[in-house]
Amino acid sequence: PDSLATDGSPFWSGVKRCPRPVMLDPTDALHLRFVRAAANLRAHVYGLKGTASEQSVSVAVAATAASAVADDGEACPPMAVEGDTADARVAALLEALPTPGELAGFRLSP
């Protein structure tokens, strides 16, 4: 929102509006179709079979949306632990990756 154009004027002014994220609505059919399409594209890239089921996507989106909101209705903050560092998170992610042997035969489609 504070971006400036090359001449120093505010970039987001006039007819240009700063983009805002759309909140996922598990009851909106358009949102569910978008999630299903994105999931099917990602599944294809990893050689997995996608789904045409509206219900399975609706259940997954509703469960995810419910877990992303705290009891007080506020969005949950990013998970962090006292003393947590970027290096520790990277190490944990690397530890969670499968070994090369576990990926034998895996093919990624462009």
PDB file of N, CA and C in Angstrom:
ATOM      1  N   PRO A   1       0.801  -1.206   0.000  1.00  0.00           N
ATOM      2  CA  PRO A   1       0.000   0.000   0.000  1.00  0.00           C
ATOM      3  C   PRO A   1       0.845   1.272   0.000  1.00  0.00           C
ATOM      4  N   ASP A   2       2.079   1.197   0.485  1.00  0.00           N
ATOM      5  CA  ASP A   2       2.922   2.387   0.552  1.00  0.00           C
ATOM      6  C   ASP A   2       3.859   2.504  -0.643  1.00  0.00           C
ATOM      7  N   SER A   3       3.625   1.728  -1.697  1.00  0.00           N
ATOM      8  CA  SER A   3       4.508   1.739  -2.859  1.00  0.00           C
ATOM      9  C   SER A   3       4.438   3.078  -3.577  1.00  0.00           C
ATOM     10  N   LEU A   4       5.594   3.468  -4.116  1.00  0.00           N
ATOM     11  CA  LEU A   4       5.671   4.722  -4.863  1.00  0.00           C
ATOM     12  C   LEU A   4       6.002   4.444  -6.324  1.00  0.00           C
ATOM     13  N   ALA A   5       5.480   5.256  -7.198  1.00  0.00           N
ATOM     14  CA  ALA A   5       5.799   5.177  -8.625  1.00  0.00           C
ATOM     15  C   ALA A   5       7.197   5.754  -8.827  1.00  0.00           C
ATOM     16  N   THR A   6       7.740   5.593 -10.019  1.00  0.00           N
ATOM     17  CA  THR A   6       9.097   6.082 -10.298  1.00  0.00           C
ATOM     18  C   THR A   6       9.214   7.595 -10.120  1.00  0.00           C
ATOM     19  N   ASP A   7       8.109   8.319 -10.294  1.00  0.00           N
ATOM     20  CA  ASP A   7       8.159   9.774 -10.111  1.00  0.00           C
ATOM     21  C   ASP A   7       7.947  10.194  -8.655  1.00  0.00           C
ATOM     22  N   GLY A   8       7.786   9.213  -7.743  1.00  0.00           N
ATOM     23  CA  GLY A   8       7.628   9.507  -6.320  1.00  0.00           C
ATOM     24  C   GLY A   8       6.198   9.634  -5.853  1.00  0.00           C
ATOM     25  N   SER A   9       5.242   9.593  -6.772  1.00  0.00           N
ATOM     26  CA  SER A   9       3.837   9.687  -6.384  1.00  0.00           C
ATOM     27  C   SER A   9       3.352   8.311  -5.880  1.00  0.00           C
ATOM     28  N   PRO A  10       2.302   8.305  -5.068  1.00  0.00           N
ATOM     29  CA  PRO A  10       1.784   7.023  -4.572  1.00  0.00           C
ATOM     30  C   PRO A  10       1.347   6.129  -5.738  1.00  0.00           C
ATOM     31  N   PHE A  11       1.816   4.876  -5.750  1.00  0.00           N
ATOM     32  CA  PHE A  11       1.471   3.957  -6.836  1.00  0.00           C
ATOM     33  C   PHE A  11      -0.012   3.607  -6.796  1.00  0.00           C
ATOM     34  N   TRP A  12      -0.529   3.304  -5.603  1.00  0.00           N
ATOM     35  CA  TRP A  12      -1.931   2.908  -5.469  1.00  0.00           C
ATOM     36  C   TRP A  12      -2.784   4.155  -5.278  1.00  0.00           C
ATOM     37  N   SER A  13      -3.094   4.819  -6.366  1.00  0.00           N
ATOM     38  CA  SER A  13      -3.933   6.014  -6.307  1.00  0.00           C
ATOM     39  C   SER A  13      -4.767   6.082  -7.574  1.00  0.00           C
ATOM     40  N   GLY A  14      -5.717   6.995  -7.581  1.00  0.00           N
ATOM     41  CA  GLY A  14      -6.576   7.135  -8.752  1.00  0.00           C
ATOM     42  C   GLY A  14      -7.396   5.885  -8.980  1.00  0.00           C
ATOM     43  N   VAL A  15      -7.325   5.340 -10.197  1.00  0.00           N
ATOM     44  CA  VAL A  15      -8.115   4.148 -10.515  1.00  0.00           C
ATOM     45  C   VAL A  15      -7.441   2.863 -10.044  1.00  0.00           C
ATOM     46  N   LYS A  16      -6.166   2.936  -9.682  1.00  0.00           N
ATOM     47  CA  LYS A  16      -5.459   1.743  -9.203  1.00  0.00           C
ATOM     48  C   LYS A  16      -5.778   1.545  -7.726  1.00  0.00           C
ATOM     49  N   ARG A  17      -6.213   0.368  -7.380  1.00  0.00           N
ATOM     50  CA  ARG A  17      -6.531   0.048  -5.997  1.00  0.00           C
ATOM     51  C   ARG A  17      -5.610  -1.055  -5.513  1.00  0.00           C
ATOM     52  N   CYS A  18      -5.122  -0.920  -4.303  1.00  0.00           N
ATOM     53  CA  CYS A  18      -4.254  -1.926  -3.705  1.00  0.00           C
ATOM     54  C   CYS A  18      -5.042  -3.234  -3.557  1.00  0.00           C
ATOM     55  N   PRO A  19      -4.490  -4.342  -4.040  1.00  0.00           N
ATOM     56  CA  PRO A  19      -5.224  -5.610  -3.929  1.00  0.00           C
ATOM     57  C   PRO A  19      -5.349  -6.053  -2.474  1.00  0.00           C
ATOM     58  N   ARG A  20      -6.461  -6.684  -2.172  1.00  0.00           N
ATOM     59  CA  ARG A  20      -6.694  -7.241  -0.845  1.00  0.00           C
ATOM     60  C   ARG A  20      -7.029  -8.712  -1.003  1.00  0.00           C
ATOM     61  N   PRO A  21      -6.567  -9.539  -0.095  1.00  0.00           N
ATOM     62  CA  PRO A  21      -6.900 -10.965  -0.194  1.00  0.00           C
ATOM     63  C   PRO A  21      -8.399 -11.176   0.037  1.00  0.00           C
ATOM     64  N   VAL A  22      -8.947 -12.125  -0.686  1.00  0.00           N
ATOM     65  CA  VAL A  22     -10.346 -12.485  -0.510  1.00  0.00           C
ATOM     66  C   VAL A  22     -10.400 -13.567   0.563  1.00  0.00           C
ATOM     67  N   MET A  23     -11.267 -13.395   1.526  1.00  0.00           N
ATOM     68  CA  MET A  23     -11.419 -14.406   2.566  1.00  0.00           C
ATOM     69  C   MET A  23     -12.164 -15.601   1.973  1.00  0.00           C
ATOM     70  N   LEU A  24     -11.618 -16.779   2.187  1.00  0.00           N
ATOM     71  CA  LEU A  24     -12.229 -18.000   1.674  1.00  0.00           C
ATOM     72  C   LEU A  24     -13.555 -18.246   2.383  1.00  0.00           C
ATOM     73  N   ASP A  25     -14.601 -18.414   1.596  1.00  0.00           N
ATOM     74  CA  ASP A  25     -15.938 -18.678   2.142  1.00  0.00           C
ATOM     75  C   ASP A  25     -16.341 -20.090   1.749  1.00  0.00           C
ATOM     76  N   PRO A  26     -16.363 -21.018   2.711  1.00  0.00           N
ATOM     77  CA  PRO A  26     -16.690 -22.404   2.374  1.00  0.00           C
ATOM     78  C   PRO A  26     -18.127 -22.610   1.902  1.00  0.00           C
ATOM     79  N   THR A  27     -18.952 -21.573   1.988  1.00  0.00           N
ATOM     80  CA  THR A  27     -20.327 -21.707   1.502  1.00  0.00           C
ATOM     81  C   THR A  27     -20.496 -21.127   0.101  1.00  0.00           C
ATOM     82  N   ASP A  28     -19.459 -20.505  -0.446  1.00  0.00           N
ATOM     83  CA  ASP A  28     -19.518 -19.882  -1.766  1.00  0.00           C
ATOM     84  C   ASP A  28     -19.086 -20.902  -2.827  1.00  0.00           C
ATOM     85  N   ALA A  29     -19.993 -21.214  -3.752  1.00  0.00           N
ATOM     86  CA  ALA A  29     -19.721 -22.223  -4.788  1.00  0.00           C
ATOM     87  C   ALA A  29     -18.528 -21.827  -5.664  1.00  0.00           C
ATOM     88  N   LEU A  30     -18.374 -20.542  -5.957  1.00  0.00           N
ATOM     89  CA  LEU A  30     -17.254 -20.088  -6.773  1.00  0.00           C
ATOM     90  C   LEU A  30     -15.927 -20.354  -6.065  1.00  0.00           C
ATOM     91  N   HIS A  31     -15.870 -20.103  -4.767  1.00  0.00           N
ATOM     92  CA  HIS A  31     -14.650 -20.369  -4.004  1.00  0.00           C
ATOM     93  C   HIS A  31     -14.327 -21.862  -4.019  1.00  0.00           C
ATOM     94  N   LEU A  32     -15.349 -22.694  -3.861  1.00  0.00           N
ATOM     95  CA  LEU A  32     -15.124 -24.144  -3.861  1.00  0.00           C
ATOM     96  C   LEU A  32     -14.654 -24.631  -5.228  1.00  0.00           C
ATOM     97  N   ARG A  33     -15.207 -24.080  -6.302  1.00  0.00           N
ATOM     98  CA  ARG A  33     -14.752 -24.475  -7.646  1.00  0.00           C
ATOM     99  C   ARG A  33     -13.297 -24.073  -7.857  1.00  0.00           C
ATOM    100  N   PHE A  34     -12.910 -22.901  -7.357  1.00  0.00           N
ATOM    101  CA  PHE A  34     -11.525 -22.454  -7.472  1.00  0.00           C
ATOM    102  C   PHE A  34     -10.594 -23.405  -6.721  1.00  0.00           C
ATOM    103  N   VAL A  35     -10.946 -23.748  -5.487  1.00  0.00           N
ATOM    104  CA  VAL A  35     -10.116 -24.649  -4.690  1.00  0.00           C
ATOM    105  C   VAL A  35     -10.001 -26.005  -5.373  1.00  0.00           C
ATOM    106  N   ARG A  36     -11.120 -26.524  -5.893  1.00  0.00           N
ATOM    107  CA  ARG A  36     -11.088 -27.828  -6.569  1.00  0.00           C
ATOM    108  C   ARG A  36     -10.204 -27.773  -7.807  1.00  0.00           C
ATOM    109  N   ALA A  37     -10.320 -26.712  -8.603  1.00  0.00           N
ATOM    110  CA  ALA A  37      -9.500 -26.587  -9.809  1.00  0.00           C
ATOM    111  C   ALA A  37      -8.018 -26.502  -9.454  1.00  0.00           C
ATOM    112  N   ALA A  38      -7.677 -25.700  -8.445  1.00  0.00           N
ATOM    113  CA  ALA A  38      -6.279 -25.578  -8.034  1.00  0.00           C
ATOM    114  C   ALA A  38      -5.751 -26.905  -7.497  1.00  0.00           C
ATOM    115  N   ALA A  39      -6.566 -27.615  -6.726  1.00  0.00           N
ATOM    116  CA  ALA A  39      -6.147 -28.912  -6.181  1.00  0.00           C
ATOM    117  C   ALA A  39      -5.950 -29.929  -7.298  1.00  0.00           C
ATOM    118  N   ASN A  40      -6.835 -29.922  -8.291  1.00  0.00           N
ATOM    119  CA  ASN A  40      -6.701 -30.852  -9.406  1.00  0.00           C
ATOM    120  C   ASN A  40      -5.457 -30.545 -10.247  1.00  0.00           C
ATOM    121  N   LEU A  41      -5.149 -29.278 -10.441  1.00  0.00           N
ATOM    122  CA  LEU A  41      -3.927 -28.922 -11.172  1.00  0.00           C
ATOM    123  C   LEU A  41      -2.692 -29.394 -10.414  1.00  0.00           C
ATOM    124  N   ARG A  42      -2.695 -29.179  -9.127  1.00  0.00           N
ATOM    125  CA  ARG A  42      -1.547 -29.617  -8.321  1.00  0.00           C
ATOM    126  C   ARG A  42      -1.441 -31.139  -8.310  1.00  0.00           C
ATOM    127  N   ALA A  43      -2.564 -31.823  -8.219  1.00  0.00           N
ATOM    128  CA  ALA A  43      -2.550 -33.284  -8.252  1.00  0.00           C
ATOM    129  C   ALA A  43      -1.972 -33.778  -9.569  1.00  0.00           C
ATOM    130  N   HIS A  44      -2.349 -33.146 -10.666  1.00  0.00           N
ATOM    131  CA  HIS A  44      -1.843 -33.546 -11.980  1.00  0.00           C
ATOM    132  C   HIS A  44      -0.319 -33.403 -12.042  1.00  0.00           C
ATOM    133  N   VAL A  45       0.203 -32.297 -11.504  1.00  0.00           N
ATOM    134  CA  VAL A  45       1.641 -32.063 -11.514  1.00  0.00           C
ATOM    135  C   VAL A  45       2.373 -33.194 -10.784  1.00  0.00           C
ATOM    136  N   TYR A  46       1.768 -33.703  -9.714  1.00  0.00           N
ATOM    137  CA  TYR A  46       2.401 -34.764  -8.932  1.00  0.00           C
ATOM    138  C   TYR A  46       1.972 -36.158  -9.367  1.00  0.00           C
ATOM    139  N   GLY A  47       1.269 -36.252 -10.502  1.00  0.00           N
ATOM    140  CA  GLY A  47       0.880 -37.553 -11.023  1.00  0.00           C
ATOM    141  C   GLY A  47      -0.217 -38.227 -10.226  1.00  0.00           C
ATOM    142  N   LEU A  48      -1.023 -37.453  -9.526  1.00  0.00           N
ATOM    143  CA  LEU A  48      -2.115 -38.004  -8.723  1.00  0.00           C
ATOM    144  C   LEU A  48      -3.435 -37.802  -9.438  1.00  0.00           C
ATOM    145  N   LYS A  49      -4.412 -38.619  -9.078  1.00  0.00           N
ATOM    146  CA  LYS A  49      -5.742 -38.484  -9.653  1.00  0.00           C
ATOM    147  C   LYS A  49      -6.491 -37.399  -8.890  1.00  0.00           C
ATOM    148  N   GLY A  50      -7.057 -36.464  -9.598  1.00  0.00           N
ATOM    149  CA  GLY A  50      -7.823 -35.391  -8.967  1.00  0.00           C
ATOM    150  C   GLY A  50      -9.219 -35.853  -8.614  1.00  0.00           C
ATOM    151  N   THR A  51     -10.072 -34.916  -8.263  1.00  0.00           N
ATOM    152  CA  THR A  51     -11.446 -35.238  -7.908  1.00  0.00           C
ATOM    153  C   THR A  51     -12.406 -34.272  -8.589  1.00  0.00           C
ATOM    154  N   ALA A  52     -13.582 -34.781  -8.905  1.00  0.00           N
ATOM    155  CA  ALA A  52     -14.631 -33.932  -9.444  1.00  0.00           C
ATOM    156  C   ALA A  52     -15.690 -33.693  -8.377  1.00  0.00           C
ATOM    157  N   SER A  53     -15.498 -34.259  -7.208  1.00  0.00           N
ATOM    158  CA  SER A  53     -16.485 -34.208  -6.142  1.00  0.00           C
ATOM    159  C   SER A  53     -16.548 -32.848  -5.472  1.00  0.00           C
ATOM    160  N   GLU A  54     -17.691 -32.205  -5.586  1.00  0.00           N
ATOM    161  CA  GLU A  54     -17.906 -30.924  -4.900  1.00  0.00           C
ATOM    162  C   GLU A  54     -17.927 -31.154  -3.387  1.00  0.00           C
ATOM    163  N   GLN A  55     -18.505 -32.287  -2.964  1.00  0.00           N
ATOM    164  CA  GLN A  55     -18.665 -32.539  -1.538  1.00  0.00           C
ATOM    165  C   GLN A  55     -17.319 -32.714  -0.830  1.00  0.00           C
ATOM    166  N   SER A  56     -16.388 -33.456  -1.438  1.00  0.00           N
ATOM    167  CA  SER A  56     -15.103 -33.672  -0.774  1.00  0.00           C
ATOM    168  C   SER A  56     -14.339 -32.365  -0.619  1.00  0.00           C
ATOM    169  N   VAL A  57     -14.439 -31.486  -1.612  1.00  0.00           N
ATOM    170  CA  VAL A  57     -13.775 -30.189  -1.534  1.00  0.00           C
ATOM    171  C   VAL A  57     -14.456 -29.337  -0.468  1.00  0.00           C
ATOM    172  N   SER A  58     -15.781 -29.361  -0.422  1.00  0.00           N
ATOM    173  CA  SER A  58     -16.529 -28.572   0.551  1.00  0.00           C
ATOM    174  C   SER A  58     -16.174 -28.977   1.979  1.00  0.00           C
ATOM    175  N   VAL A  59     -16.070 -30.267   2.227  1.00  0.00           N
ATOM    176  CA  VAL A  59     -15.730 -30.763   3.565  1.00  0.00           C
ATOM    177  C   VAL A  59     -14.318 -30.333   3.943  1.00  0.00           C
ATOM    178  N   ALA A  60     -13.365 -30.480   3.015  1.00  0.00           N
ATOM    179  CA  ALA A  60     -11.975 -30.108   3.292  1.00  0.00           C
ATOM    180  C   ALA A  60     -11.836 -28.606   3.534  1.00  0.00           C
ATOM    181  N   VAL A  61     -12.499 -27.798   2.734  1.00  0.00           N
ATOM    182  CA  VAL A  61     -12.417 -26.345   2.891  1.00  0.00           C
ATOM    183  C   VAL A  61     -13.062 -25.921   4.202  1.00  0.00           C
ATOM    184  N   ALA A  62     -14.206 -26.494   4.538  1.00  0.00           N
ATOM    185  CA  ALA A  62     -14.873 -26.139   5.793  1.00  0.00           C
ATOM    186  C   ALA A  62     -14.007 -26.502   6.992  1.00  0.00           C
ATOM    187  N   ALA A  63     -13.360 -27.658   6.945  1.00  0.00           N
ATOM    188  CA  ALA A  63     -12.503 -28.084   8.049  1.00  0.00           C
ATOM    189  C   ALA A  63     -11.300 -27.158   8.177  1.00  0.00           C
ATOM    190  N   THR A  64     -10.717 -26.768   7.056  1.00  0.00           N
ATOM    191  CA  THR A  64      -9.568 -25.872   7.074  1.00  0.00           C
ATOM    192  C   THR A  64      -9.976 -24.491   7.575  1.00  0.00           C
ATOM    193  N   ALA A  65     -11.096 -23.979   7.096  1.00  0.00           N
ATOM    194  CA  ALA A  65     -11.559 -22.660   7.523  1.00  0.00           C
ATOM    195  C   ALA A  65     -11.866 -22.659   9.017  1.00  0.00           C
ATOM    196  N   ALA A  66     -12.447 -23.731   9.527  1.00  0.00           N
ATOM    197  CA  ALA A  66     -12.778 -23.807  10.947  1.00  0.00           C
ATOM    198  C   ALA A  66     -11.522 -23.845  11.799  1.00  0.00           C
ATOM    199  N   SER A  67     -10.489 -24.525  11.336  1.00  0.00           N
ATOM    200  CA  SER A  67      -9.266 -24.624  12.134  1.00  0.00           C
ATOM    201  C   SER A  67      -8.422 -23.368  12.062  1.00  0.00           C
ATOM    202  N   ALA A  68      -8.721 -22.467  11.138  1.00  0.00           N
ATOM    203  CA  ALA A  68      -7.926 -21.254  10.983  1.00  0.00           C
ATOM    204  C   ALA A  68      -8.436 -20.092  11.820  1.00  0.00           C
ATOM    205  N   VAL A  69      -9.503 -20.310  12.573  1.00  0.00           N
ATOM    206  CA  VAL A  69     -10.068 -19.249  13.396  1.00  0.00           C
ATOM    207  C   VAL A  69     -10.034 -19.679  14.852  1.00  0.00           C
ATOM    208  N   ALA A  70      -9.551 -18.809  15.703  1.00  0.00           N
ATOM    209  CA  ALA A  70      -9.476 -19.108  17.131  1.00  0.00           C
ATOM    210  C   ALA A  70     -10.864 -19.014  17.757  1.00  0.00           C
ATOM    211  N   ASP A  71     -10.974 -19.435  19.004  1.00  0.00           N
ATOM    212  CA  ASP A  71     -12.255 -19.420  19.702  1.00  0.00           C
ATOM    213  C   ASP A  71     -12.861 -18.022  19.790  1.00  0.00           C
ATOM    214  N   ASP A  72     -12.013 -17.003  19.861  1.00  0.00           N
ATOM    215  CA  ASP A  72     -12.528 -15.644  19.985  1.00  0.00           C
ATOM    216  C   ASP A  72     -12.895 -15.031  18.637  1.00  0.00           C
ATOM    217  N   GLY A  73     -12.780 -15.809  17.563  1.00  0.00           N
ATOM    218  CA  GLY A  73     -13.143 -15.338  16.235  1.00  0.00           C
ATOM    219  C   GLY A  73     -12.023 -14.649  15.497  1.00  0.00           C
ATOM    220  N   GLU A  74     -10.891 -14.428  16.150  1.00  0.00           N
ATOM    221  CA  GLU A  74      -9.751 -13.798  15.492  1.00  0.00           C
ATOM    222  C   GLU A  74      -8.959 -14.841  14.715  1.00  0.00           C
ATOM    223  N   ALA A  75      -8.379 -14.432  13.599  1.00  0.00           N
ATOM    224  CA  ALA A  75      -7.540 -15.351  12.830  1.00  0.00           C
ATOM    225  C   ALA A  75      -6.355 -15.762  13.688  1.00  0.00           C
ATOM    226  N   CYS A  76      -5.990 -17.019  13.610  1.00  0.00           N
ATOM    227  CA  CYS A  76      -4.873 -17.526  14.405  1.00  0.00           C
ATOM    228  C   CYS A  76      -3.564 -16.911  13.909  1.00  0.00           C
ATOM    229  N   PRO A  77      -2.669 -16.545  14.829  1.00  0.00           N
ATOM    230  CA  PRO A  77      -1.371 -16.037  14.414  1.00  0.00           C
ATOM    231  C   PRO A  77      -0.522 -17.173  13.874  1.00  0.00           C
ATOM    232  N   PRO A  78       0.533 -16.868  13.121  1.00  0.00           N
ATOM    233  CA  PRO A  78       1.412 -17.932  12.636  1.00  0.00           C
ATOM    234  C   PRO A  78       1.961 -18.726  13.817  1.00  0.00           C
ATOM    235  N   MET A  79       2.108 -20.027  13.624  1.00  0.00           N
ATOM    236  CA  MET A  79       2.615 -20.872  14.693  1.00  0.00           C
ATOM    237  C   MET A  79       4.062 -20.502  14.984  1.00  0.00           C
ATOM    238  N   ALA A  80       4.345 -20.201  16.212  1.00  0.00           N
ATOM    239  CA  ALA A  80       5.705 -19.881  16.627  1.00  0.00           C
ATOM    240  C   ALA A  80       5.882 -20.333  18.065  1.00  0.00           C
ATOM    241  N   VAL A  81       7.074 -20.701  18.388  1.00  0.00           N
ATOM    242  CA  VAL A  81       7.400 -21.160  19.724  1.00  0.00           C
ATOM    243  C   VAL A  81       8.464 -20.232  20.281  1.00  0.00           C
ATOM    244  N   GLU A  82       8.390 -19.976  21.591  1.00  0.00           N
ATOM    245  CA  GLU A  82       9.389 -19.124  22.237  1.00  0.00           C
ATOM    246  C   GLU A  82      10.784 -19.611  21.884  1.00  0.00           C
ATOM    247  N   GLY A  83      11.638 -18.737  21.409  1.00  0.00           N
ATOM    248  CA  GLY A  83      13.007 -19.103  21.062  1.00  0.00           C
ATOM    249  C   GLY A  83      13.130 -19.749  19.691  1.00  0.00           C
ATOM    250  N   ASP A  84      12.034 -19.853  18.964  1.00  0.00           N
ATOM    251  CA  ASP A  84      12.059 -20.466  17.634  1.00  0.00           C
ATOM    252  C   ASP A  84      12.824 -19.547  16.683  1.00  0.00           C
ATOM    253  N   THR A  85      13.689 -20.119  15.873  1.00  0.00           N
ATOM    254  CA  THR A  85      14.439 -19.338  14.899  1.00  0.00           C
ATOM    255  C   THR A  85      14.186 -19.889  13.510  1.00  0.00           C
ATOM    256  N   ALA A  86      14.517 -19.087  12.518  1.00  0.00           N
ATOM    257  CA  ALA A  86      14.360 -19.540  11.137  1.00  0.00           C
ATOM    258  C   ALA A  86      15.203 -20.785  10.887  1.00  0.00           C
ATOM    259  N   ASP A  87      16.413 -20.822  11.441  1.00  0.00           N
ATOM    260  CA  ASP A  87      17.277 -21.986  11.251  1.00  0.00           C
ATOM    261  C   ASP A  87      16.635 -23.244  11.826  1.00  0.00           C
ATOM    262  N   ALA A  88      16.000 -23.119  12.978  1.00  0.00           N
ATOM    263  CA  ALA A  88      15.353 -24.276  13.604  1.00  0.00           C
ATOM    264  C   ALA A  88      14.172 -24.742  12.759  1.00  0.00           C
ATOM    265  N   ARG A  89      13.410 -23.801  12.202  1.00  0.00           N
ATOM    266  CA  ARG A  89      12.270 -24.178  11.356  1.00  0.00           C
ATOM    267  C   ARG A  89      12.748 -24.852  10.080  1.00  0.00           C
ATOM    268  N   VAL A  90      13.819 -24.328   9.469  1.00  0.00           N
ATOM    269  CA  VAL A  90      14.372 -24.940   8.258  1.00  0.00           C
ATOM    270  C   VAL A  90      14.856 -26.345   8.563  1.00  0.00           C
ATOM    271  N   ALA A  91      15.548 -26.507   9.685  1.00  0.00           N
ATOM    272  CA  ALA A  91      16.036 -27.839  10.073  1.00  0.00           C
ATOM    273  C   ALA A  91      14.870 -28.803  10.268  1.00  0.00           C
ATOM    274  N   ALA A  92      13.791 -28.342  10.889  1.00  0.00           N
ATOM    275  CA  ALA A  92      12.619 -29.195  11.106  1.00  0.00           C
ATOM    276  C   ALA A  92      11.974 -29.578   9.776  1.00  0.00           C
ATOM    277  N   LEU A  93      11.910 -28.626   8.840  1.00  0.00           N
ATOM    278  CA  LEU A  93      11.337 -28.921   7.526  1.00  0.00           C
ATOM    279  C   LEU A  93      12.199 -29.933   6.775  1.00  0.00           C
ATOM    280  N   LEU A  94      13.511 -29.746   6.815  1.00  0.00           N
ATOM    281  CA  LEU A  94      14.414 -30.685   6.144  1.00  0.00           C
ATOM    282  C   LEU A  94      14.291 -32.082   6.742  1.00  0.00           C
ATOM    283  N   GLU A  95      14.117 -32.148   8.047  1.00  0.00           N
ATOM    284  CA  GLU A  95      13.956 -33.439   8.725  1.00  0.00           C
ATOM    285  C   GLU A  95      12.669 -34.136   8.285  1.00  0.00           C
ATOM    286  N   ALA A  96      11.622 -33.336   7.999  1.00  0.00           N
ATOM    287  CA  ALA A  96      10.335 -33.894   7.613  1.00  0.00           C
ATOM    288  C   ALA A  96      10.290 -34.360   6.162  1.00  0.00           C
ATOM    289  N   LEU A  97      11.257 -33.947   5.337  1.00  0.00           N
ATOM    290  CA  LEU A  97      11.269 -34.354   3.934  1.00  0.00           C
ATOM    291  C   LEU A  97      11.536 -35.849   3.802  1.00  0.00           C
ATOM    292  N   PRO A  98      10.927 -36.483   2.805  1.00  0.00           N
ATOM    293  CA  PRO A  98      11.206 -37.904   2.592  1.00  0.00           C
ATOM    294  C   PRO A  98      12.632 -38.109   2.091  1.00  0.00           C
ATOM    295  N   THR A  99      13.158 -39.284   2.348  1.00  0.00           N
ATOM    296  CA  THR A  99      14.506 -39.606   1.868  1.00  0.00           C
ATOM    297  C   THR A  99      14.439 -39.872   0.370  1.00  0.00           C
ATOM    298  N   PRO A 100      15.563 -39.767  -0.339  1.00  0.00           N
ATOM    299  CA  PRO A 100      15.547 -40.063  -1.773  1.00  0.00           C
ATOM    300  C   PRO A 100      15.017 -41.469  -2.064  1.00  0.00           C
ATOM    301  N   GLY A 101      15.306 -42.435  -1.204  1.00  0.00           N
ATOM    302  CA  GLY A 101      14.813 -43.795  -1.404  1.00  0.00           C
ATOM    303  C   GLY A 101      13.297 -43.883  -1.355  1.00  0.00           C
ATOM    304  N   GLU A 102      12.675 -43.025  -0.536  1.00  0.00           N
ATOM    305  CA  GLU A 102      11.214 -43.014  -0.430  1.00  0.00           C
ATOM    306  C   GLU A 102      10.564 -42.413  -1.670  1.00  0.00           C
ATOM    307  N   LEU A 103      11.340 -41.697  -2.463  1.00  0.00           N
ATOM    308  CA  LEU A 103      10.809 -41.066  -3.667  1.00  0.00           C
ATOM    309  C   LEU A 103      11.123 -41.866  -4.930  1.00  0.00           C
ATOM    310  N   ALA A 104      11.617 -43.074  -4.774  1.00  0.00           N
ATOM    311  CA  ALA A 104      11.962 -43.898  -5.938  1.00  0.00           C
ATOM    312  C   ALA A 104      10.727 -44.072  -6.829  1.00  0.00           C
ATOM    313  N   GLY A 105      10.897 -43.820  -8.089  1.00  0.00           N
ATOM    314  CA  GLY A 105       9.794 -43.963  -9.052  1.00  0.00           C
ATOM    315  C   GLY A 105       8.901 -42.747  -9.146  1.00  0.00           C
ATOM    316  N   PHE A 106       9.123 -41.749  -8.316  1.00  0.00           N
ATOM    317  CA  PHE A 106       8.301 -40.543  -8.357  1.00  0.00           C
ATOM    318  C   PHE A 106       8.632 -39.743  -9.602  1.00  0.00           C
ATOM    319  N   ARG A 107       7.579 -39.297 -10.288  1.00  0.00           N
ATOM    320  CA  ARG A 107       7.772 -38.494 -11.499  1.00  0.00           C
ATOM    321  C   ARG A 107       6.949 -37.232 -11.369  1.00  0.00           C
ATOM    322  N   LEU A 108       7.561 -36.118 -11.705  1.00  0.00           N
ATOM    323  CA  LEU A 108       6.879 -34.825 -11.654  1.00  0.00           C
ATOM    324  C   LEU A 108       6.569 -34.390 -13.070  1.00  0.00           C
ATOM    325  N   SER A 109       5.305 -34.087 -13.331  1.00  0.00           N
ATOM    326  CA  SER A 109       4.900 -33.654 -14.668  1.00  0.00           C
ATOM    327  C   SER A 109       4.992 -32.137 -14.738  1.00  0.00           C
ATOM    328  N   PRO A 110       5.585 -31.609 -15.806  1.00  0.00           N
ATOM    329  CA  PRO A 110       5.672 -30.146 -15.917  1.00  0.00           C
ATOM    330  C   PRO A 110       4.314 -29.521 -16.177  1.00  0.00           C
TER     331      PRO A 110
END
